[in-house]
Amino acid sequence: MPTQLTNAQIRFLRGQAHGLKAILQVGAKGITDALAAEVDGALEHHELIKVKVAAEDRDQRDALIDALVGRSRAALVQRIGHTAVLYRQSSEKRHIVLPRA
């Protein structure tokens, strides 16, 4: 089940993600098991990541982002153009403390 965030938490995370660079890219092969594992590891380590999706068609790009969010059990913080910002709280060590709901 994806993480549910309040509007205040989304605004906070968007501010935190502003300076981040995309660390992963979804290519022509789509979402493979290896990419899903990398996203899972990156979310566990960083909690907040940017992913670039290289699909020209907007509907295809949205479908890939939605599939990635569902598969990683993360929350979609923001989607701008080809870039999506994902958040999932780390199970071992929290780096980001969200504002209260």
C-alpha atoms as a PDB file:
ATOM      1  CA  MET A   1       0.000   0.000   0.000  1.00  0.00           C
ATOM      2  CA  PRO A   2       1.478   3.381  -0.993  1.00  0.00           C
ATOM      3  CA  THR A   3       2.310   5.934   1.673  1.00  0.00           C
ATOM      4  CA  GLN A   4      -0.411   8.564   2.225  1.00  0.00           C
ATOM      5  CA  LEU A   5       0.762  12.157   2.690  1.00  0.00           C
ATOM      6  CA  THR A   6      -1.028  15.335   3.730  1.00  0.00           C
ATOM      7  CA  ASN A   7      -0.780  18.545   1.679  1.00  0.00           C
ATOM      8  CA  ALA A   8       1.596  20.067   4.242  1.00  0.00           C
ATOM      9  CA  GLN A   9       3.862  17.018   4.054  1.00  0.00           C
ATOM     10  CA  ILE A  10       3.843  17.134   0.243  1.00  0.00           C
ATOM     11  CA  ARG A  11       4.831  20.823   0.287  1.00  0.00           C
ATOM     12  CA  PHE A  12       7.642  20.030   2.743  1.00  0.00           C
ATOM     13  CA  LEU A  13       8.942  17.148   0.620  1.00  0.00           C
ATOM     14  CA  ARG A  14       8.778  19.196  -2.584  1.00  0.00           C
ATOM     15  CA  GLY A  15      11.031  21.747  -0.902  1.00  0.00           C
ATOM     16  CA  GLN A  16      13.427  19.013   0.212  1.00  0.00           C
ATOM     17  CA  ALA A  17      13.530  17.536  -3.319  1.00  0.00           C
ATOM     18  CA  HIS A  18      14.207  20.822  -5.071  1.00  0.00           C
ATOM     19  CA  GLY A  19      17.992  20.461  -5.031  1.00  0.00           C
ATOM     20  CA  LEU A  20      18.080  16.733  -5.765  1.00  0.00           C
ATOM     21  CA  LYS A  21      19.228  15.285  -9.064  1.00  0.00           C
ATOM     22  CA  ALA A  22      17.527  12.291 -10.679  1.00  0.00           C
ATOM     23  CA  ILE A  23      19.400   9.180  -9.563  1.00  0.00           C
ATOM     24  CA  LEU A  24      17.526   6.626 -11.684  1.00  0.00           C
ATOM     25  CA  GLN A  25      16.109   6.566 -15.193  1.00  0.00           C
ATOM     26  CA  VAL A  26      13.352   4.417 -16.636  1.00  0.00           C
ATOM     27  CA  GLY A  27      14.452   3.556 -20.163  1.00  0.00           C
ATOM     28  CA  ALA A  28      12.932   1.909 -23.217  1.00  0.00           C
ATOM     29  CA  LYS A  29      12.608  -1.460 -21.450  1.00  0.00           C
ATOM     30  CA  GLY A  30      10.212   0.027 -18.909  1.00  0.00           C
ATOM     31  CA  ILE A  31      10.120  -1.096 -15.306  1.00  0.00           C
ATOM     32  CA  THR A  32      12.196  -4.232 -14.994  1.00  0.00           C
ATOM     33  CA  ASP A  33      12.839  -6.257 -11.841  1.00  0.00           C
ATOM     34  CA  ALA A  34      16.350  -4.797 -11.647  1.00  0.00           C
ATOM     35  CA  LEU A  35      15.030  -1.225 -11.849  1.00  0.00           C
ATOM     36  CA  ALA A  36      12.383  -1.957  -9.206  1.00  0.00           C
ATOM     37  CA  ALA A  37      15.099  -3.345  -6.915  1.00  0.00           C
ATOM     38  CA  GLU A  38      17.245  -0.239  -7.460  1.00  0.00           C
ATOM     39  CA  VAL A  39      14.301   2.056  -6.676  1.00  0.00           C
ATOM     40  CA  ASP A  40      13.564   0.033  -3.540  1.00  0.00           C
ATOM     41  CA  GLY A  41      17.177   0.278  -2.388  1.00  0.00           C
ATOM     42  CA  ALA A  42      17.400   3.986  -3.165  1.00  0.00           C
ATOM     43  CA  LEU A  43      14.189   4.697  -1.253  1.00  0.00           C
ATOM     44  CA  GLU A  44      15.404   2.675   1.719  1.00  0.00           C
ATOM     45  CA  HIS A  45      18.698   4.568   1.771  1.00  0.00           C
ATOM     46  CA  HIS A  46      17.582   8.114   0.821  1.00  0.00           C
ATOM     47  CA  GLU A  47      13.793   8.101   1.474  1.00  0.00           C
ATOM     48  CA  LEU A  48      13.291  10.864  -1.135  1.00  0.00           C
ATOM     49  CA  ILE A  49      14.439  10.349  -4.732  1.00  0.00           C
ATOM     50  CA  LYS A  50      13.929  11.715  -8.213  1.00  0.00           C
ATOM     51  CA  VAL A  51      13.381   9.316 -11.114  1.00  0.00           C
ATOM     52  CA  LYS A  52      13.533  10.319 -14.760  1.00  0.00           C
ATOM     53  CA  VAL A  53      11.134   8.580 -17.161  1.00  0.00           C
ATOM     54  CA  ALA A  54      12.216   8.513 -20.825  1.00  0.00           C
ATOM     55  CA  ALA A  55       8.826   8.101 -22.480  1.00  0.00           C
ATOM     56  CA  GLU A  56       7.713  10.636 -25.079  1.00  0.00           C
ATOM     57  CA  ASP A  57       3.980  10.003 -24.794  1.00  0.00           C
ATOM     58  CA  ARG A  58       2.424  11.646 -21.714  1.00  0.00           C
ATOM     59  CA  ASP A  59      -0.029   8.782 -21.108  1.00  0.00           C
ATOM     60  CA  GLN A  60       2.748   6.201 -21.308  1.00  0.00           C
ATOM     61  CA  ARG A  61       4.914   8.287 -18.966  1.00  0.00           C
ATOM     62  CA  ASP A  62       2.061   8.602 -16.457  1.00  0.00           C
ATOM     63  CA  ALA A  63       1.418   4.858 -16.631  1.00  0.00           C
ATOM     64  CA  LEU A  64       5.100   4.078 -15.987  1.00  0.00           C
ATOM     65  CA  ILE A  65       5.214   6.468 -13.020  1.00  0.00           C
ATOM     66  CA  ASP A  66       2.019   4.999 -11.556  1.00  0.00           C
ATOM     67  CA  ALA A  67       3.389   1.464 -11.976  1.00  0.00           C
ATOM     68  CA  LEU A  68       6.656   2.461 -10.320  1.00  0.00           C
ATOM     69  CA  VAL A  69       4.816   4.072  -7.389  1.00  0.00           C
ATOM     70  CA  GLY A  70       2.646   0.999  -6.919  1.00  0.00           C
ATOM     71  CA  ARG A  71       5.507  -1.438  -7.183  1.00  0.00           C
ATOM     72  CA  SER A  72       7.737   0.474  -4.768  1.00  0.00           C
ATOM     73  CA  ARG A  73       4.934   1.226  -2.257  1.00  0.00           C
ATOM     74  CA  ALA A  74       6.053   4.851  -2.270  1.00  0.00           C
ATOM     75  CA  ALA A  75       4.176   8.128  -2.378  1.00  0.00           C
ATOM     76  CA  LEU A  76       4.281  10.287  -5.478  1.00  0.00           C
ATOM     77  CA  VAL A  77       5.287  13.707  -4.183  1.00  0.00           C
ATOM     78  CA  GLN A  78       5.558  15.526  -7.490  1.00  0.00           C
ATOM     79  CA  ARG A  79       5.550  14.909 -11.216  1.00  0.00           C
ATOM     80  CA  ILE A  80       7.042  17.512 -13.537  1.00  0.00           C
ATOM     81  CA  GLY A  81       7.617  16.642 -17.173  1.00  0.00           C
ATOM     82  CA  HIS A  82       9.794  13.543 -17.334  1.00  0.00           C
ATOM     83  CA  THR A  83      10.737  13.612 -13.633  1.00  0.00           C
ATOM     84  CA  ALA A  84       8.900  12.073 -10.678  1.00  0.00           C
ATOM     85  CA  VAL A  85       9.713  12.591  -7.001  1.00  0.00           C
ATOM     86  CA  LEU A  86       9.057   9.555  -4.790  1.00  0.00           C
ATOM     87  CA  TYR A  87       9.038   9.265  -0.996  1.00  0.00           C
ATOM     88  CA  ARG A  88       8.927   6.265   1.285  1.00  0.00           C
ATOM     89  CA  GLN A  89       9.931   6.222   4.939  1.00  0.00           C
ATOM     90  CA  SER A  90      12.931   4.034   5.647  1.00  0.00           C
ATOM     91  CA  SER A  91      12.228   0.964   7.730  1.00  0.00           C
ATOM     92  CA  GLU A  92      15.651   1.031   9.397  1.00  0.00           C
ATOM     93  CA  LYS A  93      16.845   4.624   9.742  1.00  0.00           C
ATOM     94  CA  ARG A  94      14.713   7.722   9.167  1.00  0.00           C
ATOM     95  CA  HIS A  95      16.492  10.681   7.579  1.00  0.00           C
ATOM     96  CA  ILE A  96      13.472  12.911   6.952  1.00  0.00           C
ATOM     97  CA  VAL A  97      11.122  13.978   9.713  1.00  0.00           C
ATOM     98  CA  LEU A  98       7.787  14.961   8.215  1.00  0.00           C
ATOM     99  CA  PRO A  99       5.638  17.736   9.667  1.00  0.00           C
ATOM    100  CA  ARG A 100       2.618  16.543  11.615  1.00  0.00           C
ATOM    101  CA  ALA A 101      -0.576  15.791   9.720  1.00  0.00           C
END
